[in-house]
């Protein structure tokens, strides 16, 4: 993985201590599209399962993730697909 993906994973690990976390760089699927960078690391998917998401709506879960990754979303990350689940799902 690249530096941006590593930073995303590190921040999500620190903020949520998830039981499962996968960060995927999907940039190659968006080559030539708006926001795509020549070196990649612009489009990601984050699959995360953590107890902090139990009982929250999908919107609330996304807001938590977006808050943690605000710096990346303001800079190098053009798009982020979030699949956030609680432990009881």
Protein backbone atom coordinates (compact mmCIF):
# COMPACT_ATOMS: atom_id res chain seq x y z
CA UNK A 1 0.00 0.00 0.00
CA UNK A 2 1.01 3.59 -0.43
CA UNK A 3 1.54 6.35 2.09
CA UNK A 4 -2.03 7.69 1.95
CA UNK A 5 -3.56 4.23 2.39
CA UNK A 6 -1.21 3.55 5.29
CA UNK A 7 -2.22 6.84 6.94
CA UNK A 8 -5.92 6.02 6.52
CA UNK A 9 -5.44 2.59 8.06
CA UNK A 10 -3.37 3.96 10.93
CA UNK A 11 -5.91 6.66 11.80
CA UNK A 12 -8.86 4.26 11.66
CA UNK A 13 -7.00 1.73 13.82
CA UNK A 14 -6.18 4.38 16.40
CA UNK A 15 -9.66 5.93 16.49
CA UNK A 16 -11.79 2.77 16.50
CA UNK A 17 -9.60 -0.24 17.44
CA UNK A 18 -11.64 -2.25 14.93
CA UNK A 19 -12.07 -5.99 15.00
CA UNK A 20 -11.73 -5.92 11.20
CA UNK A 21 -10.32 -3.29 8.86
CA UNK A 22 -9.45 -3.36 5.18
CA UNK A 23 -8.38 -0.28 3.23
CA UNK A 24 -8.32 -0.74 -0.54
CA UNK A 25 -6.84 1.67 -3.07
CA UNK A 26 -9.37 1.77 -5.93
CA UNK A 27 -7.60 4.55 -7.83
CA UNK A 28 -6.78 2.35 -10.81
CA UNK A 29 -10.51 1.95 -11.43
CA UNK A 30 -10.88 5.72 -11.80
CA UNK A 31 -7.94 6.57 -14.07
CA UNK A 32 -8.90 9.48 -16.29
CA UNK A 33 -11.89 10.45 -14.12
CA UNK A 34 -12.26 13.64 -12.11
CA UNK A 35 -10.05 13.68 -9.05
CA UNK A 36 -7.80 10.84 -10.24
CA UNK A 37 -4.12 11.56 -9.69
CA UNK A 38 -1.36 10.20 -11.92
CA UNK A 39 0.27 8.37 -9.00
CA UNK A 40 -2.99 6.95 -7.69
CA UNK A 41 -3.99 7.08 -4.03
CA UNK A 42 -7.05 9.21 -4.68
CA UNK A 43 -9.96 6.72 -4.45
CA UNK A 44 -10.34 4.28 -1.55
CA UNK A 45 -12.71 1.83 0.10
CA UNK A 46 -12.64 1.34 3.86
CA UNK A 47 -14.32 -1.77 5.28
CA UNK A 48 -14.41 -1.44 9.06
CA UNK A 49 -16.11 -3.30 11.89
CA UNK A 50 -15.97 -1.74 15.35
CA UNK A 51 -18.02 -1.64 18.53
CA UNK A 52 -18.30 2.17 18.30
CA UNK A 53 -20.69 1.69 15.37
CA UNK A 54 -23.17 -0.48 17.29
CA UNK A 55 -26.59 1.16 17.38
CA UNK A 56 -25.62 4.02 15.05
CA UNK A 57 -27.24 4.85 11.75
CA UNK A 58 -25.21 4.51 8.57
CA UNK A 59 -25.00 8.31 8.36
CA UNK A 60 -23.66 8.60 11.91
CA UNK A 61 -21.05 5.92 11.19
CA UNK A 62 -19.92 7.71 8.03
CA UNK A 63 -19.67 11.00 9.89
CA UNK A 64 -17.40 9.43 12.51
CA UNK A 65 -15.10 8.03 9.83
CA UNK A 66 -15.14 11.30 7.87
CA UNK A 67 -14.20 13.24 11.02
CA UNK A 68 -11.21 10.97 11.65
CA UNK A 69 -10.07 11.27 8.03
CA UNK A 70 -10.86 14.98 7.55
CA UNK A 71 -7.26 15.86 6.67
CA UNK A 72 -7.04 13.18 3.98
CA UNK A 73 -10.48 14.03 2.57
CA UNK A 74 -9.46 17.69 2.29
CA UNK A 75 -6.30 16.79 0.41
CA UNK A 76 -5.19 13.71 -1.45
CA UNK A 77 -8.37 11.62 -1.18
CA UNK A 78 -10.97 12.42 -3.82
CA UNK A 79 -13.43 9.63 -2.97
CA UNK A 80 -13.93 7.24 -0.07
CA UNK A 81 -16.40 4.36 0.03
CA UNK A 82 -17.19 3.55 3.67
CA UNK A 83 -18.56 0.20 4.75
CA UNK A 84 -18.86 0.57 8.53
CA UNK A 85 -20.48 -2.12 10.64
CA UNK A 86 -20.95 -2.65 14.34
CA UNK A 87 -19.90 -5.84 16.10
CA UNK A 88 -23.50 -6.97 16.50
CA UNK A 89 -24.27 -7.11 12.78
